[in-house]
C-alpha atoms as a PDB file:
ATOM      1  CA  MET A   1      99.564 122.858  69.870  1.00  0.00           C
ATOM      2  CA  LEU A   2     100.522 120.749  73.313  1.00  0.00           C
ATOM      3  CA  ARG A   3     102.873 123.657  74.752  1.00  0.00           C
ATOM      4  CA  TRP A   4      99.906 125.243  75.579  1.00  0.00           C
ATOM      5  CA  ALA A   5      97.480 122.489  76.308  1.00  0.00           C
ATOM      6  CA  PHE A   6      98.977 122.165  79.657  1.00  0.00           C
ATOM      7  CA  PRO A   7      98.101 125.500  81.607  1.00  0.00           C
ATOM      8  CA  VAL A   8      94.429 125.191  79.720  1.00  0.00           C
ATOM      9  CA  PHE A   9      94.254 121.694  80.844  1.00  0.00           C
ATOM     10  CA  VAL A  10      95.028 122.626  84.596  1.00  0.00           C
ATOM     11  CA  VAL A  11      92.612 125.886  84.355  1.00  0.00           C
ATOM     12  CA  ILE A  12      89.703 123.133  83.095  1.00  0.00           C
ATOM     13  CA  SER A  13      90.310 121.404  86.199  1.00  0.00           C
ATOM     14  CA  LEU A  14      90.581 123.528  88.812  1.00  0.00           C
ATOM     15  CA  SER A  15      87.763 125.765  87.603  1.00  0.00           C
ATOM     16  CA  ARG A  16      85.983 122.718  89.364  1.00  0.00           C
ATOM     17  CA  GLY A  17      86.951 123.850  93.222  1.00  0.00           C
ATOM     18  CA  GLY A  18      87.436 121.416  95.717  1.00  0.00           C
ATOM     19  CA  PHE A  19      89.991 123.308  97.754  1.00  0.00           C
ATOM     20  CA  ASN A  20      88.193 124.116 100.836  1.00  0.00           C
ATOM     21  CA  SER A  21      86.998 120.503 101.618  1.00  0.00           C
ATOM     22  CA  VAL A  22      88.716 116.906 101.493  1.00  0.00           C
ATOM     23  CA  TRP A  23      87.215 113.505 100.235  1.00  0.00           C
ATOM     24  CA  ALA A  24      86.427 110.990 102.637  1.00  0.00           C
ATOM     25  CA  GLU A  25      89.235 108.814 101.888  1.00  0.00           C
ATOM     26  CA  ASP A  26      91.917 111.320 101.308  1.00  0.00           C
ATOM     27  CA  GLY A  27      91.409 112.804 104.725  1.00  0.00           C
ATOM     28  CA  GLN A  28      90.514 110.123 106.734  1.00  0.00           C
ATOM     29  CA  GLU A  29      92.405 107.450 105.760  1.00  0.00           C
ATOM     30  CA  PHE A  30      95.319 108.383 103.404  1.00  0.00           C
ATOM     31  CA  LEU A  31      96.144 111.935 105.348  1.00  0.00           C
ATOM     32  CA  THR A  32      95.726 110.170 108.286  1.00  0.00           C
ATOM     33  CA  ASP A  33      98.394 107.244 107.336  1.00  0.00           C
ATOM     34  CA  ALA A  34     100.548 109.866 106.097  1.00  0.00           C
ATOM     35  CA  LEU A  35     100.255 111.699 109.619  1.00  0.00           C
ATOM     36  CA  THR A  36     100.760 109.444 111.553  1.00  0.00           C
ATOM     37  CA  LEU A  37     102.381 106.217 110.166  1.00  0.00           C
ATOM     38  CA  PRO A  38     105.787 105.660 109.213  1.00  0.00           C
ATOM     39  CA  TRP A  39     106.381 106.624 105.358  1.00  0.00           C
ATOM     40  CA  TYR A  40     106.803 103.345 104.025  1.00  0.00           C
ATOM     41  CA  GLU A  41     103.855 101.793 105.747  1.00  0.00           C
ATOM     42  CA  PRO A  42     101.243 103.682 103.996  1.00  0.00           C
ATOM     43  CA  PHE A  43     102.232 102.026 100.646  1.00  0.00           C
ATOM     44  CA  ALA A  44     101.528  98.529 102.522  1.00  0.00           C
ATOM     45  CA  THR A  45      98.384  99.255 103.473  1.00  0.00           C
ATOM     46  CA  PRO A  46      95.345  98.561 101.402  1.00  0.00           C
ATOM     47  CA  PHE A  47      91.968 100.398 101.541  1.00  0.00           C
ATOM     48  CA  ASN A  48      88.847  98.830 100.470  1.00  0.00           C
ATOM     49  CA  GLY A  49      90.532  95.576  98.580  1.00  0.00           C
ATOM     50  CA  TYR A  50      93.216  97.480  97.116  1.00  0.00           C
ATOM     51  CA  PHE A  51      96.502  99.269  97.014  1.00  0.00           C
ATOM     52  CA  HIS A  52      96.246 103.301  95.973  1.00  0.00           C
ATOM     53  CA  THR A  53      99.766 103.896  94.803  1.00  0.00           C
ATOM     54  CA  VAL A  54     100.133 107.026  93.484  1.00  0.00           C
ATOM     55  CA  ALA A  55      97.246 108.944  96.013  1.00  0.00           C
ATOM     56  CA  ARG A  56      99.581 107.394  98.419  1.00  0.00           C
ATOM     57  CA  ALA A  57     102.771 108.688  97.427  1.00  0.00           C
ATOM     58  CA  CYS A  58     101.070 112.095  96.958  1.00  0.00           C
ATOM     59  CA  PHE A  59     100.119 112.022 100.415  1.00  0.00           C
ATOM     60  CA  ALA A  60     103.198 111.174 101.816  1.00  0.00           C
ATOM     61  CA  LEU A  61     104.164 114.865 100.133  1.00  0.00           C
ATOM     62  CA  ILE A  62     101.160 116.882 101.493  1.00  0.00           C
ATOM     63  CA  ALA A  63     102.245 115.320 105.214  1.00  0.00           C
ATOM     64  CA  LEU A  64     105.115 117.298 104.908  1.00  0.00           C
ATOM     65  CA  PHE A  65     103.033 120.706 105.001  1.00  0.00           C
ATOM     66  CA  PRO A  66     100.991 122.179 107.665  1.00  0.00           C
ATOM     67  CA  VAL A  67      97.366 120.386 107.556  1.00  0.00           C
ATOM     68  CA  PRO A  68      95.238 122.965 107.227  1.00  0.00           C
ATOM     69  CA  TRP A  69      97.150 123.676 103.689  1.00  0.00           C
ATOM     70  CA  ALA A  70      95.700 119.955 102.967  1.00  0.00           C
ATOM     71  CA  ALA A  71      92.676 120.617 100.986  1.00  0.00           C
ATOM     72  CA  ALA A  72      94.577 122.557  99.154  1.00  0.00           C
ATOM     73  CA  LEU A  73      97.518 121.006  98.339  1.00  0.00           C
ATOM     74  CA  ASN A  74      95.532 118.163  97.136  1.00  0.00           C
ATOM     75  CA  ALA A  75      93.386 119.679  95.190  1.00  0.00           C
ATOM     76  CA  GLY A  76      96.091 121.314  93.266  1.00  0.00           C
ATOM     77  CA  THR A  77      97.952 117.989  92.686  1.00  0.00           C
ATOM     78  CA  ALA A  78      95.297 116.121  91.810  1.00  0.00           C
ATOM     79  CA  ALA A  79      94.299 118.690  89.570  1.00  0.00           C
ATOM     80  CA  ALA A  80      98.048 119.220  87.711  1.00  0.00           C
ATOM     81  CA  LEU A  81      98.548 115.204  87.542  1.00  0.00           C
ATOM     82  CA  THR A  82      94.792 114.923  85.621  1.00  0.00           C
ATOM     83  CA  ALA A  83      95.820 118.020  83.071  1.00  0.00           C
ATOM     84  CA  ALA A  84      99.609 116.064  82.404  1.00  0.00           C
ATOM     85  CA  LEU A  85      97.548 113.082  81.745  1.00  0.00           C
ATOM     86  CA  ALA A  86      95.446 114.748  79.729  1.00  0.00           C
ATOM     87  CA  CYS A  87      98.011 116.147  77.539  1.00  0.00           C
ATOM     88  CA  LEU A  88      99.380 112.579  77.209  1.00  0.00           C
ATOM     89  CA  VAL A  89      95.825 111.748  75.957  1.00  0.00           C
ATOM     90  CA  ALA A  90      95.972 114.572  73.840  1.00  0.00           C
ATOM     91  CA  ALA A  91      99.252 113.460  72.029  1.00  0.00           C
ATOM     92  CA  ALA A  92      98.139 109.883  71.491  1.00  0.00           C
ATOM     93  CA  ALA A  93      94.791 110.555  70.423  1.00  0.00           C
ATOM     94  CA  ARG A  94      96.363 113.177  68.038  1.00  0.00           C
ATOM     95  CA  ASP A  95      98.686 110.664  66.582  1.00  0.00           C
ATOM     96  CA  ARG A  96      96.096 108.127  65.701  1.00  0.00           C
ATOM     97  CA  LEU A  97      93.379 110.295  64.658  1.00  0.00           C
ATOM     98  CA  GLY A  98      94.192 113.712  63.664  1.00  0.00           C
ATOM     99  CA  PRO A  99      95.089 117.303  65.675  1.00  0.00           C
ATOM    100  CA  ALA A 100      91.479 118.412  66.028  1.00  0.00           C
ATOM    101  CA  ALA A 101      90.363 114.600  67.913  1.00  0.00           C
ATOM    102  CA  GLY A 102      93.503 114.633  70.081  1.00  0.00           C
ATOM    103  CA  LEU A 103      92.760 118.553  70.931  1.00  0.00           C
ATOM    104  CA  VAL A 104      88.994 117.424  72.156  1.00  0.00           C
ATOM    105  CA  ILE A 105      89.690 113.861  73.440  1.00  0.00           C
ATOM    106  CA  GLY A 106      92.649 115.583  75.601  1.00  0.00           C
ATOM    107  CA  ALA A 107      90.438 118.850  76.850  1.00  0.00           C
ATOM    108  CA  SER A 108      87.505 115.891  78.108  1.00  0.00           C
ATOM    109  CA  ALA A 109      90.354 113.748  79.772  1.00  0.00           C
ATOM    110  CA  ALA A 110      91.132 117.057  81.679  1.00  0.00           C
ATOM    111  CA  VAL A 111      87.776 117.425  83.074  1.00  0.00           C
ATOM    112  CA  PRO A 112      87.750 115.908  86.690  1.00  0.00           C
ATOM    113  CA  MET A 113      86.507 112.260  87.276  1.00  0.00           C
ATOM    114  CA  GLY A 114      84.462 110.608  89.553  1.00  0.00           C
ATOM    115  CA  TYR A 115      82.056 111.695  92.220  1.00  0.00           C
ATOM    116  CA  VAL A 116      83.380 115.346  93.105  1.00  0.00           C
ATOM    117  CA  PRO A 117      86.491 117.322  91.696  1.00  0.00           C
ATOM    118  CA  ASN A 118      90.217 117.296  92.392  1.00  0.00           C
ATOM    119  CA  THR A 119      90.487 114.529  94.664  1.00  0.00           C
ATOM    120  CA  LEU A 120      93.374 112.012  95.062  1.00  0.00           C
ATOM    121  CA  ALA A 121      91.592 109.196  96.015  1.00  0.00           C
ATOM    122  CA  GLN A 122      89.767 108.961  92.248  1.00  0.00           C
ATOM    123  CA  LEU A 123      93.061 109.901  90.100  1.00  0.00           C
ATOM    124  CA  GLN A 124      92.690 106.186  89.548  1.00  0.00           C
ATOM    125  CA  PHE A 125      89.984 106.564  87.160  1.00  0.00           C
ATOM    126  CA  PRO A 126      91.948 109.207  84.745  1.00  0.00           C
ATOM    127  CA  LEU A 127      95.064 107.318  85.306  1.00  0.00           C
ATOM    128  CA  VAL A 128      92.980 104.067  83.894  1.00  0.00           C
ATOM    129  CA  TYR A 129      91.878 106.290  81.206  1.00  0.00           C
ATOM    130  CA  ALA A 130      95.206 107.604  80.235  1.00  0.00           C
ATOM    131  CA  GLY A 131      96.866 103.932  80.405  1.00  0.00           C
ATOM    132  CA  LEU A 132      94.826 102.756  77.931  1.00  0.00           C
ATOM    133  CA  TRP A 133      95.347 105.523  75.205  1.00  0.00           C
ATOM    134  CA  MET A 134      99.655 104.464  76.285  1.00  0.00           C
ATOM    135  CA  LEU A 135      98.832 101.024  75.292  1.00  0.00           C
ATOM    136  CA  LEU A 136      96.843 102.534  71.976  1.00  0.00           C
ATOM    137  CA  TRP A 137      99.899 104.772  71.138  1.00  0.00           C
ATOM    138  CA  THR A 138     103.254 104.674  69.555  1.00  0.00           C
ATOM    139  CA  PRO A 139     105.056 107.220  70.326  1.00  0.00           C
ATOM    140  CA  THR A 140     108.522 108.328  68.764  1.00  0.00           C
ATOM    141  CA  THR A 141     110.722 110.139  71.067  1.00  0.00           C
ATOM    142  CA  ARG A 142     112.250 108.299  74.341  1.00  0.00           C
ATOM    143  CA  ALA A 143     110.582 110.383  77.096  1.00  0.00           C
ATOM    144  CA  ALA A 144     107.066 109.597  75.563  1.00  0.00           C
ATOM    145  CA  ARG A 145     108.017 105.702  75.112  1.00  0.00           C
ATOM    146  CA  ALA A 146     108.932 105.685  78.616  1.00  0.00           C
ATOM    147  CA  ALA A 147     105.786 107.581  79.726  1.00  0.00           C
ATOM    148  CA  ALA A 148     104.045 105.109  77.515  1.00  0.00           C
ATOM    149  CA  VAL A 149     105.334 102.262  79.456  1.00  0.00           C
ATOM    150  CA  ALA A 150     104.753 103.419  82.908  1.00  0.00           C
ATOM    151  CA  LEU A 151     101.417 104.947  82.846  1.00  0.00           C
ATOM    152  CA  PRO A 152     100.060 101.631  82.598  1.00  0.00           C
ATOM    153  CA  GLY A 153     101.931 100.104  85.298  1.00  0.00           C
ATOM    154  CA  LEU A 154     100.640 103.453  87.959  1.00  0.00           C
ATOM    155  CA  ALA A 155      96.866 102.390  86.991  1.00  0.00           C
ATOM    156  CA  ALA A 156      97.593  99.291  87.850  1.00  0.00           C
ATOM    157  CA  LEU A 157      99.295  99.744  91.314  1.00  0.00           C
ATOM    158  CA  SER A 158      96.928 102.751  92.297  1.00  0.00           C
ATOM    159  CA  SER A 159      93.535 100.803  90.943  1.00  0.00           C
ATOM    160  CA  MET A 160      92.066  97.303  90.678  1.00  0.00           C
ATOM    161  CA  LEU A 161      90.525  98.737  87.089  1.00  0.00           C
ATOM    162  CA  GLY A 162      94.213  98.847  86.396  1.00  0.00           C
ATOM    163  CA  LEU A 163      93.839  95.062  85.597  1.00  0.00           C
ATOM    164  CA  LEU A 164      91.501  96.074  82.805  1.00  0.00           C
ATOM    165  CA  LEU A 165      94.873  96.911  80.886  1.00  0.00           C
ATOM    166  CA  VAL A 166      95.974  93.622  80.481  1.00  0.00           C
ATOM    167  CA  PRO A 167      94.237  91.861  78.205  1.00  0.00           C
ATOM    168  CA  VAL A 168      95.139  95.165  76.023  1.00  0.00           C
ATOM    169  CA  ALA A 169      98.446  95.049  76.730  1.00  0.00           C
ATOM    170  CA  LEU A 170      98.248  91.196  75.849  1.00  0.00           C
ATOM    171  CA  LEU A 171      96.465  91.965  72.184  1.00  0.00           C
ATOM    172  CA  ARG A 172      98.999  94.296  71.806  1.00  0.00           C
ATOM    173  CA  THR A 173     102.285  92.667  72.537  1.00  0.00           C
ATOM    174  CA  ALA A 174     100.806  89.397  70.138  1.00  0.00           C
ATOM    175  CA  ARG A 175     100.002  91.448  67.223  1.00  0.00           C
ATOM    176  CA  ARG A 176     103.803  93.561  67.245  1.00  0.00           C
ATOM    177  CA  ARG A 177     106.160  91.456  68.796  1.00  0.00           C
ATOM    178  CA  ASP A 178     108.038  94.112  69.665  1.00  0.00           C
ATOM    179  CA  ARG A 179     109.736  95.439  72.348  1.00  0.00           C
ATOM    180  CA  ASP A 180     108.190  98.627  73.472  1.00  0.00           C
ATOM    181  CA  SER A 181     104.527  96.102  73.666  1.00  0.00           C
ATOM    182  CA  VAL A 182     106.457  93.916  75.484  1.00  0.00           C
ATOM    183  CA  LEU A 183     107.960  96.470  78.184  1.00  0.00           C
ATOM    184  CA  ARG A 184     104.458  98.180  78.228  1.00  0.00           C
ATOM    185  CA  ALA A 185     102.936  94.290  79.324  1.00  0.00           C
ATOM    186  CA  LEU A 186     105.871  93.665  81.862  1.00  0.00           C
ATOM    187  CA  ALA A 187     105.188  96.985  83.670  1.00  0.00           C
ATOM    188  CA  LEU A 188     101.558  95.572  84.156  1.00  0.00           C
ATOM    189  CA  LEU A 189     102.838  92.849  86.535  1.00  0.00           C
ATOM    190  CA  PRO A 190     103.787  94.365  89.563  1.00  0.00           C
ATOM    191  CA  GLY A 191     100.752  95.691  89.744  1.00  0.00           C
ATOM    192  CA  VAL A 192      99.081  92.708  88.722  1.00  0.00           C
ATOM    193  CA  ALA A 193     100.860  90.964  91.570  1.00  0.00           C
ATOM    194  CA  LEU A 194     100.171  93.062  94.231  1.00  0.00           C
ATOM    195  CA  GLN A 195      96.478  93.748  93.929  1.00  0.00           C
ATOM    196  CA  LEU A 196      95.203  90.032  92.937  1.00  0.00           C
ATOM    197  CA  GLY A 197      97.962  88.644  94.813  1.00  0.00           C
ATOM    198  CA  SER A 198      96.909  90.220  98.048  1.00  0.00           C
ATOM    199  CA  LEU A 199      93.647  89.702  97.749  1.00  0.00           C
ATOM    200  CA  LEU A 200      93.862  85.852  97.115  1.00  0.00           C
ATOM    201  CA  LEU A 201      95.747  85.520 100.054  1.00  0.00           C
ATOM    202  CA  GLY A 202      93.530  87.508 101.977  1.00  0.00           C
ATOM    203  CA  GLY A 203      95.828  90.471 102.828  1.00  0.00           C
ATOM    204  CA  SER A 204      93.210  92.773 101.596  1.00  0.00           C
ATOM    205  CA  ARG A 205      89.588  92.213 101.141  1.00  0.00           C
ATOM    206  CA  ARG A 206      86.447  94.034  99.820  1.00  0.00           C
ATOM    207  CA  ALA A 207      82.940  92.945  99.983  1.00  0.00           C
ATOM    208  CA  VAL A 208      81.690  91.490  96.146  1.00  0.00           C
ATOM    209  CA  GLY A 209      78.224  93.613  97.441  1.00  0.00           C
ATOM    210  CA  GLU A 210      74.504  92.675  95.834  1.00  0.00           C
ATOM    211  CA  ARG A 211      73.854  90.448  93.307  1.00  0.00           C
ATOM    212  CA  PRO A 212      75.142  92.338  89.828  1.00  0.00           C
ATOM    213  CA  ASP A 213      72.333  93.602  87.392  1.00  0.00           C
ATOM    214  CA  LEU A 214      72.662  92.479  83.844  1.00  0.00           C
ATOM    215  CA  ASP A 215      69.820  94.187  82.879  1.00  0.00           C
ATOM    216  CA  PRO A 216      71.649  97.025  79.986  1.00  0.00           C
ATOM    217  CA  PHE A 217      69.000  99.059  80.461  1.00  0.00           C
ATOM    218  CA  SER A 218      68.540  99.191  84.052  1.00  0.00           C
ATOM    219  CA  VAL A 219      72.710  99.491  84.090  1.00  0.00           C
ATOM    220  CA  ALA A 220      72.096 102.197  81.684  1.00  0.00           C
ATOM    221  CA  GLY A 221      69.910 104.321  83.426  1.00  0.00           C
ATOM    222  CA  THR A 222      71.859 104.115  86.846  1.00  0.00           C
ATOM    223  CA  TYR A 223      74.844 105.481  85.378  1.00  0.00           C
ATOM    224  CA  LEU A 224      72.640 108.116  83.644  1.00  0.00           C
ATOM    225  CA  ARG A 225      71.029 109.220  87.071  1.00  0.00           C
ATOM    226  CA  TRP A 226      74.529 108.675  88.684  1.00  0.00           C
ATOM    227  CA  GLY A 227      76.257 110.959  86.461  1.00  0.00           C
ATOM    228  CA  CYS A 228      73.783 113.742  86.540  1.00  0.00           C
ATOM    229  CA  ARG A 229      73.330 114.059  90.211  1.00  0.00           C
ATOM    230  CA  ALA A 230      77.101 114.215  90.571  1.00  0.00           C
ATOM    231  CA  ARG A 231      77.332 116.762  87.599  1.00  0.00           C
ATOM    232  CA  SER A 232      74.814 118.660  89.603  1.00  0.00           C
ATOM    233  CA  SER A 233      76.652 118.392  92.992  1.00  0.00           C
ATOM    234  CA  ALA A 234      79.905 119.812  91.490  1.00  0.00           C
ATOM    235  CA  THR A 235      78.404 122.180  89.520  1.00  0.00           C
ATOM    236  CA  ARG A 236      76.036 124.380  91.830  1.00  0.00           C
ATOM    237  CA  GLY A 237      77.896 122.358  95.163  1.00  0.00           C
ATOM    238  CA  TRP A 238      76.556 120.968  97.821  1.00  0.00           C
ATOM    239  CA  PRO A 239      73.485 121.940 100.499  1.00  0.00           C
ATOM    240  CA  ARG A 240      74.785 124.061 103.612  1.00  0.00           C
ATOM    241  CA  PRO A 241      73.678 121.978 107.053  1.00  0.00           C
ATOM    242  CA  SER A 242      70.672 123.394 108.587  1.00  0.00           C
ATOM    243  CA  PRO A 243      70.880 125.775 111.044  1.00  0.00           C
ATOM    244  CA  THR A 244      71.825 125.006 114.712  1.00  0.00           C
ATOM    245  CA  PRO A 245      69.051 125.578 116.905  1.00  0.00           C
ATOM    246  CA  SER A 246      69.345 128.425 119.817  1.00  0.00           C
ATOM    247  CA  GLY A 247      70.450 126.981 122.978  1.00  0.00           C
ATOM    248  CA  THR A 248      72.370 124.009 121.397  1.00  0.00           C
ATOM    249  CA  ALA A 249      75.728 123.901 121.619  1.00  0.00           C
ATOM    250  CA  PRO A 250      77.062 123.295 117.679  1.00  0.00           C
ATOM    251  CA  SER A 251      78.610 119.826 117.263  1.00  0.00           C
ATOM    252  CA  SER A 252      82.401 120.140 117.023  1.00  0.00           C
ATOM    253  CA  CYS A 253      82.022 117.587 113.508  1.00  0.00           C
ATOM    254  CA  SER A 254      79.221 119.573 112.178  1.00  0.00           C
ATOM    255  CA  ALA A 255      78.598 118.631 108.931  1.00  0.00           C
ATOM    256  CA  SER A 256      80.500 120.628 106.018  1.00  0.00           C
ATOM    257  CA  PRO A 257      78.881 122.647 103.129  1.00  0.00           C
ATOM    258  CA  SER A 258      80.273 120.126 100.825  1.00  0.00           C
ATOM    259  CA  ARG A 259      78.435 117.179 101.980  1.00  0.00           C
ATOM    260  CA  SER A 260      75.012 115.986 100.688  1.00  0.00           C
ATOM    261  CA  ARG A 261      72.030 116.197 102.605  1.00  0.00           C
ATOM    262  CA  SER A 262      71.396 112.359 102.006  1.00  0.00           C
ATOM    263  CA  SER A 263      75.711 111.369 103.016  1.00  0.00           C
ATOM    264  CA  PRO A 264      75.680 109.887 106.680  1.00  0.00           C
ATOM    265  CA  SER A 265      77.182 111.261 109.297  1.00  0.00           C
ATOM    266  CA  PRO A 266      81.384 111.579 110.098  1.00  0.00           C
ATOM    267  CA  CYS A 267      80.612 111.441 113.226  1.00  0.00           C
ATOM    268  CA  SER A 268      78.268 108.307 113.373  1.00  0.00           C
ATOM    269  CA  ALA A 269      79.717 105.175 114.961  1.00  0.00           C
ATOM    270  CA  GLY A 270      79.687 102.384 112.293  1.00  0.00           C
ATOM    271  CA  PRO A 271      81.803 100.664 109.461  1.00  0.00           C
ATOM    272  CA  ARG A 272      83.646 103.652 106.805  1.00  0.00           C
ATOM    273  CA  SER A 273      82.814 103.667 103.253  1.00  0.00           C
ATOM    274  CA  GLY A 274      84.713 103.646 100.671  1.00  0.00           C
ATOM    275  CA  GLY A 275      86.081 103.255  97.066  1.00  0.00           C
ATOM    276  CA  GLY A 276      84.921 106.708  96.029  1.00  0.00           C
ATOM    277  CA  GLY A 277      81.555 106.523  97.492  1.00  0.00           C
ATOM    278  CA  SER A 278      81.377 108.595 100.832  1.00  0.00           C
ATOM    279  CA  PRO A 279      81.422 112.118 101.070  1.00  0.00           C
ATOM    280  CA  ARG A 280      83.935 114.808 101.284  1.00  0.00           C
ATOM    281  CA  SER A 281      85.113 115.309 105.187  1.00  0.00           C
ATOM    282  CA  SER A 282      87.568 118.028 106.591  1.00  0.00           C
ATOM    283  CA  PRO A 283      91.096 118.838 105.304  1.00  0.00           C
ATOM    284  CA  GLY A 284      91.900 115.671 108.653  1.00  0.00           C
ATOM    285  CA  SER A 285      88.914 113.820 109.037  1.00  0.00           C
ATOM    286  CA  PRO A 286      90.251 111.694 111.952  1.00  0.00           C
ATOM    287  CA  ARG A 287      89.846 108.101 112.190  1.00  0.00           C
ATOM    288  CA  SER A 288      90.942 106.003 115.490  1.00  0.00           C
ATOM    289  CA  PRO A 289      94.318 103.694 115.064  1.00  0.00           C
ATOM    290  CA  GLY A 290      92.270 100.759 115.310  1.00  0.00           C
ATOM    291  CA  ARG A 291      90.505 101.631 112.395  1.00  0.00           C
ATOM    292  CA  SER A 292      86.712 100.367 114.009  1.00  0.00           C
ATOM    293  CA  SER A 293      85.645 102.970 116.382  1.00  0.00           C
ATOM    294  CA  SER A 294      84.508 106.414 115.715  1.00  0.00           C
ATOM    295  CA  PRO A 295      85.639 108.311 112.872  1.00  0.00           C
ATOM    296  CA  CYS A 296      85.601 111.544 115.258  1.00  0.00           C
ATOM    297  CA  THR A 297      87.854 110.045 117.829  1.00  0.00           C
ATOM    298  CA  ALA A 298      91.588 112.164 117.083  1.00  0.00           C
ATOM    299  CA  PRO A 299      94.483 109.895 115.794  1.00  0.00           C
ATOM    300  CA  PRO A 300      97.959 109.843 117.510  1.00  0.00           C
ATOM    301  CA  ARG A 301     100.354 112.445 117.039  1.00  0.00           C
ATOM    302  CA  ALA A 302      97.915 114.577 114.719  1.00  0.00           C
ATOM    303  CA  ALA A 303      96.305 117.804 115.158  1.00  0.00           C
ATOM    304  CA  THR A 304      92.622 118.387 115.975  1.00  0.00           C
ATOM    305  CA  TRP A 305      90.630 117.791 113.012  1.00  0.00           C
ATOM    306  CA  CYS A 306      87.130 118.459 113.282  1.00  0.00           C
END
């Protein structure tokens, strides 16, 4: 079943588009860092309070190609990795729930998660989901066992949400007490040390934000509204910008069709938003080396972005 599942899952992911624009932190942070910093430095650079190891590694390879290819390479790489994760989820679900359930769960995992489809910055969400299934799986082949050990560790290295896998790994270890369970728990330690250690020691910072909403009905309504809005934007496309008035020179950083009207302009000064909540930008949305000035300041050793 899984021999033909991968190309099908790739088609599912690619059908959501995303080839003509780059999600904000993908271009403004990850691609810019890969182009302007030594190859090793982006891996030690947190963004929005945590580290993004898998996304940084992918952009280190994308930076080897011409900048105009960045949007397509970003979307294609994210789609292929999402499809690969969906295949592993399908295999784990098949072993536990049967072939039909495995196929349905795998196909649902192939649908891109996050605000917009096919972005490496939001690959952390399917990584965490696949990591959970790896902790529930008991594969028999050596390659599958290696994937079941590696994926939870990569999820913890790429997202603060990966820390939620630690209790599951500990429960599995306490119940089964076998070598594979111990290895999966140990694989989470580097990510836990990196994410929590840097946060506690002041190496990275993340604002707590507003007071949390503890009303379950309010939280459910918020997620429902967010999900419907994100799905509507992904299927119908973002509104196009208003035409430039006659006699006015167009802005060099004019809004792209893939950005919502309600989103702030990438050319406005002020602090950048992050964590998947900012709009898409052009393939090389610039960012100044000091990370505090206008995001339309051209970075060193980079092409003209806007």
